[in-house]
PDB file of all heavy atoms in Angstrom:
ATOM      1  N   SER A   1     -27.224  12.997  15.800  1.00  0.00           N
ATOM      2  CA  SER A   1     -27.537  13.350  14.404  1.00  0.00           C
ATOM      3  C   SER A   1     -26.388  14.169  13.810  1.00  0.00           C
ATOM      4  O   SER A   1     -26.032  13.968  12.690  1.00  0.00           O
ATOM      5  CB  SER A   1     -28.855  14.172  14.356  1.00  0.00           C
ATOM      6  OG  SER A   1     -29.934  13.374  14.814  1.00  0.00           O
ATOM      7  N   THR A   2     -25.856  15.078  14.583  1.00  0.00           N
ATOM      8  CA  THR A   2     -24.680  15.826  14.095  1.00  0.00           C
ATOM      9  C   THR A   2     -23.479  14.983  13.821  1.00  0.00           C
ATOM     10  O   THR A   2     -22.782  15.171  12.793  1.00  0.00           O
ATOM     11  CB  THR A   2     -24.312  16.943  15.111  1.00  0.00           C
ATOM     12  OG1 THR A   2     -25.468  17.791  15.367  1.00  0.00           O
ATOM     13  CG2 THR A   2     -23.171  17.839  14.596  1.00  0.00           C
ATOM     14  N   LEU A   3     -23.173  14.001  14.719  1.00  0.00           N
ATOM     15  CA  LEU A   3     -22.059  13.124  14.503  1.00  0.00           C
ATOM     16  C   LEU A   3     -22.311  12.222  13.299  1.00  0.00           C
ATOM     17  O   LEU A   3     -21.357  11.855  12.629  1.00  0.00           O
ATOM     18  CB  LEU A   3     -21.816  12.333  15.790  1.00  0.00           C
ATOM     19  CG  LEU A   3     -21.340  13.091  16.977  1.00  0.00           C
ATOM     20  CD1 LEU A   3     -21.285  12.200  18.219  1.00  0.00           C
ATOM     21  CD2 LEU A   3     -20.021  13.733  16.757  1.00  0.00           C
ATOM     22  N   ASN A   4     -23.568  11.883  13.102  1.00  0.00           N
ATOM     23  CA  ASN A   4     -23.845  11.041  11.878  1.00  0.00           C
ATOM     24  C   ASN A   4     -23.524  11.799  10.592  1.00  0.00           C
ATOM     25  O   ASN A   4     -23.141  11.218   9.602  1.00  0.00           O
ATOM     26  CB  ASN A   4     -25.334  10.595  11.881  1.00  0.00           C
ATOM     27  CG  ASN A   4     -25.587   9.472  12.836  1.00  0.00           C
ATOM     28  OD1 ASN A   4     -24.704   8.692  13.158  1.00  0.00           O
ATOM     29  ND2 ASN A   4     -26.799   9.318  13.265  1.00  0.00           N
ATOM     30  N   ILE A   5     -23.703  13.108  10.617  1.00  0.00           N
ATOM     31  CA  ILE A   5     -23.347  13.918   9.459  1.00  0.00           C
ATOM     32  C   ILE A   5     -21.812  13.839   9.232  1.00  0.00           C
ATOM     33  O   ILE A   5     -21.296  13.645   8.065  1.00  0.00           O
ATOM     34  CB  ILE A   5     -23.754  15.383   9.658  1.00  0.00           C
ATOM     35  CG1 ILE A   5     -25.242  15.510   9.648  1.00  0.00           C
ATOM     36  CG2 ILE A   5     -23.153  16.269   8.563  1.00  0.00           C
ATOM     37  CD1 ILE A   5     -25.800  16.936   9.919  1.00  0.00           C
ATOM     38  N   GLU A   6     -21.079  13.960  10.283  1.00  0.00           N
ATOM     39  CA  GLU A   6     -19.561  13.848  10.185  1.00  0.00           C
ATOM     40  C   GLU A   6     -19.135  12.510   9.666  1.00  0.00           C
ATOM     41  O   GLU A   6     -18.262  12.417   8.768  1.00  0.00           O
ATOM     42  CB  GLU A   6     -18.959  14.134  11.557  1.00  0.00           C
ATOM     43  CG  GLU A   6     -19.203  15.496  12.107  1.00  0.00           C
ATOM     44  CD  GLU A   6     -18.757  16.652  11.194  1.00  0.00           C
ATOM     45  OE1 GLU A   6     -17.688  16.491  10.594  1.00  0.00           O
ATOM     46  OE2 GLU A   6     -19.556  17.645  11.093  1.00  0.00           O
ATOM     47  N   LYS A   7     -19.819  11.491  10.094  1.00  0.00           N
ATOM     48  CA  LYS A   7     -19.533  10.100   9.664  1.00  0.00           C
ATOM     49  C   LYS A   7     -19.840   9.961   8.164  1.00  0.00           C
ATOM     50  O   LYS A   7     -19.021   9.416   7.372  1.00  0.00           O
ATOM     51  CB  LYS A   7     -20.337   9.075  10.458  1.00  0.00           C
ATOM     52  CG  LYS A   7     -20.124   7.614  10.076  1.00  0.00           C
ATOM     53  CD  LYS A   7     -21.009   6.734  10.903  1.00  0.00           C
ATOM     54  CE  LYS A   7     -20.884   5.248  10.429  1.00  0.00           C
ATOM     55  NZ  LYS A   7     -21.741   4.391  11.258  1.00  0.00           N
ATOM     56  N   ALA A   8     -21.000  10.467   7.718  1.00  0.00           N
ATOM     57  CA  ALA A   8     -21.393  10.390   6.323  1.00  0.00           C
ATOM     58  C   ALA A   8     -20.464  11.176   5.425  1.00  0.00           C
ATOM     59  O   ALA A   8     -20.173  10.820   4.311  1.00  0.00           O
ATOM     60  CB  ALA A   8     -22.869  10.815   6.176  1.00  0.00           C
ATOM     61  N   ARG A   9     -20.028  12.294   5.974  1.00  0.00           N
ATOM     62  CA  ARG A   9     -19.086  13.163   5.167  1.00  0.00           C
ATOM     63  C   ARG A   9     -17.813  12.445   4.951  1.00  0.00           C
ATOM     64  O   ARG A   9     -17.219  12.494   3.865  1.00  0.00           O
ATOM     65  CB  ARG A   9     -18.864  14.533   5.935  1.00  0.00           C
ATOM     66  CG  ARG A   9     -17.951  15.473   5.132  1.00  0.00           C
ATOM     67  CD  ARG A   9     -17.633  16.694   5.926  1.00  0.00           C
ATOM     68  NE  ARG A   9     -18.776  17.568   6.063  1.00  0.00           N
ATOM     69  CZ  ARG A   9     -19.301  17.894   7.199  1.00  0.00           C
ATOM     70  NH1 ARG A   9     -18.783  17.440   8.320  1.00  0.00           N
ATOM     71  NH2 ARG A   9     -20.333  18.706   7.255  1.00  0.00           N
ATOM     72  N   ALA A  10     -17.308  11.751   5.990  1.00  0.00           N
ATOM     73  CA  ALA A  10     -16.121  11.002   5.834  1.00  0.00           C
ATOM     74  C   ALA A  10     -16.230   9.846   4.868  1.00  0.00           C
ATOM     75  O   ALA A  10     -15.344   9.552   4.053  1.00  0.00           O
ATOM     76  CB  ALA A  10     -15.621  10.498   7.179  1.00  0.00           C
ATOM     77  N   THR A  11     -17.414   9.162   4.929  1.00  0.00           N
ATOM     78  CA  THR A  11     -17.639   8.088   3.987  1.00  0.00           C
ATOM     79  C   THR A  11     -17.688   8.543   2.592  1.00  0.00           C
ATOM     80  O   THR A  11     -17.153   7.927   1.679  1.00  0.00           O
ATOM     81  CB  THR A  11     -19.004   7.401   4.363  1.00  0.00           C
ATOM     82  OG1 THR A  11     -18.991   6.927   5.761  1.00  0.00           O
ATOM     83  CG2 THR A  11     -19.279   6.245   3.436  1.00  0.00           C
ATOM     84  N   TYR A  12     -18.361   9.736   2.367  1.00  0.00           N
ATOM     85  CA  TYR A  12     -18.371  10.288   1.040  1.00  0.00           C
ATOM     86  C   TYR A  12     -16.960  10.616   0.556  1.00  0.00           C
ATOM     87  O   TYR A  12     -16.626  10.461  -0.630  1.00  0.00           O
ATOM     88  CB  TYR A  12     -19.277  11.517   1.021  1.00  0.00           C
ATOM     89  CG  TYR A  12     -19.175  12.333  -0.269  1.00  0.00           C
ATOM     90  CD1 TYR A  12     -19.456  11.754  -1.508  1.00  0.00           C
ATOM     91  CD2 TYR A  12     -18.794  13.663  -0.250  1.00  0.00           C
ATOM     92  CE1 TYR A  12     -19.305  12.493  -2.668  1.00  0.00           C
ATOM     93  CE2 TYR A  12     -18.725  14.371  -1.394  1.00  0.00           C
ATOM     94  CZ  TYR A  12     -18.964  13.818  -2.638  1.00  0.00           C
ATOM     95  OH  TYR A  12     -18.840  14.520  -3.755  1.00  0.00           O
ATOM     96  N   GLY A  13     -16.122  11.184   1.454  1.00  0.00           N
ATOM     97  CA  GLY A  13     -14.712  11.542   1.102  1.00  0.00           C
ATOM     98  C   GLY A  13     -13.953  10.308   0.628  1.00  0.00           C
ATOM     99  O   GLY A  13     -13.231  10.344  -0.266  1.00  0.00           O
ATOM    100  N   ILE A  14     -14.209   9.163   1.315  1.00  0.00           N
ATOM    101  CA  ILE A  14     -13.517   7.938   0.949  1.00  0.00           C
ATOM    102  C   ILE A  14     -13.938   7.507  -0.442  1.00  0.00           C
ATOM    103  O   ILE A  14     -13.154   7.150  -1.333  1.00  0.00           O
ATOM    104  CB  ILE A  14     -13.777   6.826   1.973  1.00  0.00           C
ATOM    105  CG1 ILE A  14     -13.126   7.191   3.309  1.00  0.00           C
ATOM    106  CG2 ILE A  14     -13.279   5.466   1.467  1.00  0.00           C
ATOM    107  CD1 ILE A  14     -13.467   6.236   4.410  1.00  0.00           C
ATOM    108  N   GLN A  15     -15.249   7.524  -0.704  1.00  0.00           N
ATOM    109  CA  GLN A  15     -15.758   7.037  -1.952  1.00  0.00           C
ATOM    110  C   GLN A  15     -15.373   7.990  -3.087  1.00  0.00           C
ATOM    111  O   GLN A  15     -15.071   7.567  -4.183  1.00  0.00           O
ATOM    112  CB  GLN A  15     -17.344   6.958  -1.945  1.00  0.00           C
ATOM    113  CG  GLN A  15     -17.927   6.224  -3.070  1.00  0.00           C
ATOM    114  CD  GLN A  15     -17.435   4.767  -3.199  1.00  0.00           C
ATOM    115  OE1 GLN A  15     -17.540   4.013  -2.295  1.00  0.00           O
ATOM    116  NE2 GLN A  15     -16.840   4.439  -4.359  1.00  0.00           N
ATOM    117  N   ARG A  16     -15.346   9.324  -2.836  1.00  0.00           N
ATOM    118  CA  ARG A  16     -14.982  10.283  -3.889  1.00  0.00           C
ATOM    119  C   ARG A  16     -13.506  10.114  -4.246  1.00  0.00           C
ATOM    120  O   ARG A  16     -13.115  10.355  -5.389  1.00  0.00           O
ATOM    121  CB  ARG A  16     -15.246  11.665  -3.395  1.00  0.00           C
ATOM    122  CG  ARG A  16     -14.993  12.754  -4.421  1.00  0.00           C
ATOM    123  CD  ARG A  16     -15.285  14.147  -3.855  1.00  0.00           C
ATOM    124  NE  ARG A  16     -14.597  14.387  -2.671  1.00  0.00           N
ATOM    125  CZ  ARG A  16     -14.680  15.495  -1.930  1.00  0.00           C
ATOM    126  NH1 ARG A  16     -15.602  16.481  -2.351  1.00  0.00           N
ATOM    127  NH2 ARG A  16     -14.047  15.713  -0.815  1.00  0.00           N
ATOM    128  N   ALA A  17     -12.671   9.717  -3.224  1.00  0.00           N
ATOM    129  CA  ALA A  17     -11.235   9.519  -3.522  1.00  0.00           C
ATOM    130  C   ALA A  17     -10.962   8.435  -4.475  1.00  0.00           C
ATOM    131  O   ALA A  17      -9.909   8.379  -5.135  1.00  0.00           O
ATOM    132  CB  ALA A  17     -10.506   9.262  -2.167  1.00  0.00           C
ATOM    133  N   ALA A  18     -11.920   7.485  -4.625  1.00  0.00           N
ATOM    134  CA  ALA A  18     -11.703   6.368  -5.557  1.00  0.00           C
ATOM    135  C   ALA A  18     -11.735   6.859  -7.049  1.00  0.00           C
ATOM    136  O   ALA A  18     -11.291   6.130  -7.928  1.00  0.00           O
ATOM    137  CB  ALA A  18     -12.823   5.346  -5.369  1.00  0.00           C
ATOM    138  N   LEU A  19     -12.183   8.110  -7.278  1.00  0.00           N
ATOM    139  CA  LEU A  19     -12.152   8.653  -8.650  1.00  0.00           C
ATOM    140  C   LEU A  19     -10.775   9.010  -9.072  1.00  0.00           C
ATOM    141  O   LEU A  19     -10.514   9.209 -10.254  1.00  0.00           O
ATOM    142  CB  LEU A  19     -13.077   9.878  -8.736  1.00  0.00           C
ATOM    143  CG  LEU A  19     -14.623   9.651  -8.549  1.00  0.00           C
ATOM    144  CD1 LEU A  19     -15.338  10.949  -8.365  1.00  0.00           C
ATOM    145  CD2 LEU A  19     -15.065   8.858  -9.734  1.00  0.00           C
ATOM    146  N   LEU A  20      -9.819   9.185  -8.141  1.00  0.00           N
ATOM    147  CA  LEU A  20      -8.462   9.584  -8.448  1.00  0.00           C
ATOM    148  C   LEU A  20      -7.492   8.394  -8.132  1.00  0.00           C
ATOM    149  O   LEU A  20      -7.712   7.611  -7.237  1.00  0.00           O
ATOM    150  CB  LEU A  20      -8.103  10.814  -7.587  1.00  0.00           C
ATOM    151  CG  LEU A  20      -8.999  12.019  -7.809  1.00  0.00           C
ATOM    152  CD1 LEU A  20      -8.596  13.145  -6.768  1.00  0.00           C
ATOM    153  CD2 LEU A  20      -8.881  12.571  -9.219  1.00  0.00           C
ATOM    154  N   PRO A  21      -6.390   8.322  -8.875  1.00  0.00           N
ATOM    155  CA  PRO A  21      -5.449   7.306  -8.603  1.00  0.00           C
ATOM    156  C   PRO A  21      -4.768   7.511  -7.274  1.00  0.00           C
ATOM    157  O   PRO A  21      -4.566   8.674  -6.786  1.00  0.00           O
ATOM    158  CB  PRO A  21      -4.447   7.366  -9.749  1.00  0.00           C
ATOM    159  CG  PRO A  21      -4.547   8.797 -10.224  1.00  0.00           C
ATOM    160  CD  PRO A  21      -6.022   9.179 -10.014  1.00  0.00           C
ATOM    161  N   THR A  22      -4.410   6.385  -6.585  1.00  0.00           N
ATOM    162  CA  THR A  22      -3.651   6.465  -5.323  1.00  0.00           C
ATOM    163  C   THR A  22      -2.182   6.418  -5.601  1.00  0.00           C
ATOM    164  O   THR A  22      -1.685   5.475  -6.248  1.00  0.00           O
ATOM    165  CB  THR A  22      -4.094   5.278  -4.426  1.00  0.00           C
ATOM    166  OG1 THR A  22      -5.469   5.303  -4.216  1.00  0.00           O
ATOM    167  CG2 THR A  22      -3.322   5.308  -3.097  1.00  0.00           C
ATOM    168  N   LEU A  23      -1.466   7.445  -5.217  1.00  0.00           N
ATOM    169  CA  LEU A  23      -0.017   7.539  -5.433  1.00  0.00           C
ATOM    170  C   LEU A  23       0.697   7.390  -4.112  1.00  0.00           C
ATOM    171  O   LEU A  23       0.396   8.116  -3.126  1.00  0.00           O
ATOM    172  CB  LEU A  23       0.286   8.906  -6.133  1.00  0.00           C
ATOM    173  CG  LEU A  23       1.714   9.126  -6.583  1.00  0.00           C
ATOM    174  CD1 LEU A  23       2.056   8.201  -7.703  1.00  0.00           C
ATOM    175  CD2 LEU A  23       1.911  10.595  -7.044  1.00  0.00           C
ATOM    176  N   SER A  24       1.701   6.495  -4.090  1.00  0.00           N
ATOM    177  CA  SER A  24       2.461   6.365  -2.921  1.00  0.00           C
ATOM    178  C   SER A  24       3.919   6.208  -3.198  1.00  0.00           C
ATOM    179  O   SER A  24       4.326   5.786  -4.280  1.00  0.00           O
ATOM    180  CB  SER A  24       1.986   5.065  -2.143  1.00  0.00           C
ATOM    181  OG  SER A  24       2.189   3.922  -2.904  1.00  0.00           O
ATOM    182  N   ALA A  25       4.770   6.616  -2.279  1.00  0.00           N
ATOM    183  CA  ALA A  25       6.238   6.503  -2.410  1.00  0.00           C
ATOM    184  C   ALA A  25       6.700   5.247  -1.692  1.00  0.00           C
ATOM    185  O   ALA A  25       6.138   4.905  -0.676  1.00  0.00           O
ATOM    186  CB  ALA A  25       6.945   7.728  -1.851  1.00  0.00           C
ATOM    187  N   SER A  26       7.697   4.644  -2.244  1.00  0.00           N
ATOM    188  CA  SER A  26       8.166   3.370  -1.594  1.00  0.00           C
ATOM    189  C   SER A  26       9.694   3.354  -1.663  1.00  0.00           C
ATOM    190  O   SER A  26      10.316   3.929  -2.593  1.00  0.00           O
ATOM    191  CB  SER A  26       7.617   2.154  -2.273  1.00  0.00           C
ATOM    192  OG  SER A  26       7.966   2.012  -3.656  1.00  0.00           O
ATOM    193  N   ALA A  27      10.323   2.743  -0.723  1.00  0.00           N
ATOM    194  CA  ALA A  27      11.784   2.482  -0.721  1.00  0.00           C
ATOM    195  C   ALA A  27      11.925   0.990  -0.250  1.00  0.00           C
ATOM    196  O   ALA A  27      11.323   0.611   0.741  1.00  0.00           O
ATOM    197  CB  ALA A  27      12.478   3.447   0.166  1.00  0.00           C
ATOM    198  N   LYS A  28      12.737   0.243  -0.920  1.00  0.00           N
ATOM    199  CA  LYS A  28      12.857  -1.136  -0.575  1.00  0.00           C
ATOM    200  C   LYS A  28      14.303  -1.617  -0.740  1.00  0.00           C
ATOM    201  O   LYS A  28      15.085  -1.105  -1.536  1.00  0.00           O
ATOM    202  CB  LYS A  28      11.884  -2.017  -1.369  1.00  0.00           C
ATOM    203  CG  LYS A  28      12.208  -1.985  -2.875  1.00  0.00           C
ATOM    204  CD  LYS A  28      11.183  -2.866  -3.636  1.00  0.00           C
ATOM    205  CE  LYS A  28      11.468  -2.874  -5.140  1.00  0.00           C
ATOM    206  NZ  LYS A  28      10.524  -3.673  -5.911  1.00  0.00           N
ATOM    207  N   GLU A  29      14.625  -2.640   0.043  1.00  0.00           N
ATOM    208  CA  GLU A  29      15.833  -3.338  -0.110  1.00  0.00           C
ATOM    209  C   GLU A  29      15.568  -4.845  -0.042  1.00  0.00           C
ATOM    210  O   GLU A  29      14.681  -5.273   0.732  1.00  0.00           O
ATOM    211  CB  GLU A  29      16.810  -2.962   1.045  1.00  0.00           C
ATOM    212  CG  GLU A  29      18.128  -3.810   1.022  1.00  0.00           C
ATOM    213  CD  GLU A  29      18.865  -3.720   2.340  1.00  0.00           C
ATOM    214  OE1 GLU A  29      18.346  -3.041   3.237  1.00  0.00           O
ATOM    215  OE2 GLU A  29      19.906  -4.354   2.454  1.00  0.00           O
ATOM    216  N   SER A  30      16.281  -5.594  -0.843  1.00  0.00           N
ATOM    217  CA  SER A  30      16.115  -7.070  -0.809  1.00  0.00           C
ATOM    218  C   SER A  30      17.476  -7.720  -0.803  1.00  0.00           C
ATOM    219  O   SER A  30      18.410  -7.199  -1.456  1.00  0.00           O
ATOM    220  CB  SER A  30      15.279  -7.612  -1.959  1.00  0.00           C
ATOM    221  OG  SER A  30      15.942  -7.391  -3.204  1.00  0.00           O
ATOM    222  N   ALA A  31      17.665  -8.754  -0.013  1.00  0.00           N
ATOM    223  CA  ALA A  31      18.940  -9.422   0.063  1.00  0.00           C
ATOM    224  C   ALA A  31      18.703 -10.948   0.157  1.00  0.00           C
ATOM    225  O   ALA A  31      17.728 -11.349   0.812  1.00  0.00           O
ATOM    226  CB  ALA A  31      19.779  -8.973   1.291  1.00  0.00           C
ATOM    227  N   ALA A  32      19.559 -11.726  -0.596  1.00  0.00           N
ATOM    228  CA  ALA A  32      19.370 -13.167  -0.603  1.00  0.00           C
ATOM    229  C   ALA A  32      20.741 -13.819  -0.640  1.00  0.00           C
ATOM    230  O   ALA A  32      21.644 -13.408  -1.344  1.00  0.00           O
ATOM    231  CB  ALA A  32      18.521 -13.599  -1.751  1.00  0.00           C
ATOM    232  N   ARG A  33      20.890 -14.922   0.067  1.00  0.00           N
ATOM    233  CA  ARG A  33      22.133 -15.733   0.080  1.00  0.00           C
ATOM    234  C   ARG A  33      21.811 -17.094  -0.477  1.00  0.00           C
ATOM    235  O   ARG A  33      20.910 -17.760   0.013  1.00  0.00           O
ATOM    236  CB  ARG A  33      22.683 -15.820   1.484  1.00  0.00           C
ATOM    237  CG  ARG A  33      23.984 -16.659   1.565  1.00  0.00           C
ATOM    238  CD  ARG A  33      24.457 -16.693   2.996  1.00  0.00           C
ATOM    239  NE  ARG A  33      25.764 -17.384   3.110  1.00  0.00           N
ATOM    240  CZ  ARG A  33      25.871 -18.780   3.152  1.00  0.00           C
ATOM    241  NH1 ARG A  33      24.811 -19.558   3.084  1.00  0.00           N
ATOM    242  NH2 ARG A  33      27.077 -19.294   3.260  1.00  0.00           N
ATOM    243  N   THR A  34      22.581 -17.588  -1.449  1.00  0.00           N
ATOM    244  CA  THR A  34      22.451 -18.864  -2.031  1.00  0.00           C
ATOM    245  C   THR A  34      23.619 -19.760  -1.676  1.00  0.00           C
ATOM    246  O   THR A  34      24.814 -19.396  -1.887  1.00  0.00           O
ATOM    247  CB  THR A  34      22.378 -18.803  -3.554  1.00  0.00           C
ATOM    248  OG1 THR A  34      21.316 -17.895  -3.950  1.00  0.00           O
ATOM    249  CG2 THR A  34      22.076 -20.174  -4.188  1.00  0.00           C
ATOM    250  N   PRO A  35      23.409 -20.883  -0.994  1.00  0.00           N
ATOM    251  CA  PRO A  35      24.519 -21.821  -0.582  1.00  0.00           C
ATOM    252  C   PRO A  35      25.264 -22.287  -1.835  1.00  0.00           C
ATOM    253  O   PRO A  35      24.793 -22.319  -2.944  1.00  0.00           O
ATOM    254  CB  PRO A  35      23.808 -22.960   0.131  1.00  0.00           C
ATOM    255  CG  PRO A  35      22.548 -22.436   0.513  1.00  0.00           C
ATOM    256  CD  PRO A  35      22.132 -21.460  -0.541  1.00  0.00           C
ATOM    257  N   ALA A  36      26.521 -22.717  -1.581  1.00  0.00           N
ATOM    258  CA  ALA A  36      27.371 -23.115  -2.665  1.00  0.00           C
ATOM    259  C   ALA A  36      26.815 -24.367  -3.405  1.00  0.00           C
ATOM    260  O   ALA A  36      26.899 -24.436  -4.676  1.00  0.00           O
ATOM    261  CB  ALA A  36      28.795 -23.485  -2.182  1.00  0.00           C
ATOM    262  N   ASP A  37      26.177 -25.298  -2.667  1.00  0.00           N
ATOM    263  CA  ASP A  37      25.717 -26.519  -3.301  1.00  0.00           C
ATOM    264  C   ASP A  37      24.470 -26.264  -4.119  1.00  0.00           C
ATOM    265  O   ASP A  37      24.031 -27.147  -4.849  1.00  0.00           O
ATOM    266  CB  ASP A  37      25.460 -27.621  -2.288  1.00  0.00           C
ATOM    267  CG  ASP A  37      24.472 -27.152  -1.215  1.00  0.00           C
ATOM    268  OD1 ASP A  37      24.173 -25.963  -1.138  1.00  0.00           O
ATOM    269  OD2 ASP A  37      23.986 -28.034  -0.498  1.00  0.00           O
ATOM    270  N   LEU A  38      23.904 -25.070  -3.998  1.00  0.00           N
ATOM    271  CA  LEU A  38      22.709 -24.778  -4.795  1.00  0.00           C
ATOM    272  C   LEU A  38      23.030 -23.724  -5.898  1.00  0.00           C
ATOM    273  O   LEU A  38      22.245 -23.442  -6.758  1.00  0.00           O
ATOM    274  CB  LEU A  38      21.582 -24.223  -3.947  1.00  0.00           C
ATOM    275  CG  LEU A  38      20.935 -25.170  -2.937  1.00  0.00           C
ATOM    276  CD1 LEU A  38      19.864 -24.456  -2.114  1.00  0.00           C
ATOM    277  CD2 LEU A  38      20.382 -26.402  -3.610  1.00  0.00           C
ATOM    278  N   SER A  39      24.251 -23.213  -5.784  1.00  0.00           N
ATOM    279  CA  SER A  39      24.630 -22.183  -6.741  1.00  0.00           C
ATOM    280  C   SER A  39      25.084 -22.779  -8.021  1.00  0.00           C
ATOM    281  O   SER A  39      25.707 -23.841  -8.090  1.00  0.00           O
ATOM    282  CB  SER A  39      25.757 -21.294  -6.128  1.00  0.00           C
ATOM    283  OG  SER A  39      26.286 -20.456  -7.155  1.00  0.00           O
ATOM    284  N   THR A  40      24.746 -22.104  -9.139  1.00  0.00           N
ATOM    285  CA  THR A  40      25.213 -22.621 -10.417  1.00  0.00           C
ATOM    286  C   THR A  40      26.697 -22.522 -10.645  1.00  0.00           C
ATOM    287  O   THR A  40      27.269 -23.178 -11.537  1.00  0.00           O
ATOM    288  CB  THR A  40      24.476 -21.798 -11.536  1.00  0.00           C
ATOM    289  OG1 THR A  40      24.756 -20.436 -11.383  1.00  0.00           O
ATOM    290  CG2 THR A  40      22.928 -22.072 -11.455  1.00  0.00           C
ATOM    291  N   THR A  41      27.336 -21.689  -9.870  1.00  0.00           N
ATOM    292  CA  THR A  41      28.791 -21.541 -10.010  1.00  0.00           C
ATOM    293  C   THR A  41      29.560 -22.318  -8.962  1.00  0.00           C
ATOM    294  O   THR A  41      30.781 -22.376  -8.980  1.00  0.00           O
ATOM    295  CB  THR A  41      29.150 -19.982  -9.778  1.00  0.00           C
ATOM    296  OG1 THR A  41      28.799 -19.620  -8.428  1.00  0.00           O
ATOM    297  CG2 THR A  41      28.458 -19.181 -10.810  1.00  0.00           C
ATOM    298  N   GLY A  42      28.829 -22.988  -8.083  1.00  0.00           N
ATOM    299  CA  GLY A  42      29.516 -23.783  -7.074  1.00  0.00           C
ATOM    300  C   GLY A  42      30.072 -22.925  -5.966  1.00  0.00           C
ATOM    301  O   GLY A  42      30.836 -23.450  -5.088  1.00  0.00           O
TER     302      GLY A  42
END
């Protein structure tokens, strides 16, 4: 019964968090190579 309280408290915390926006930091890199026969410049 005590552990069920902890579980319900965590569930409530998850649902309450939906009232606020989720903010995350990101860092990304992208790289692409295009062959000569497909390139517009040749």
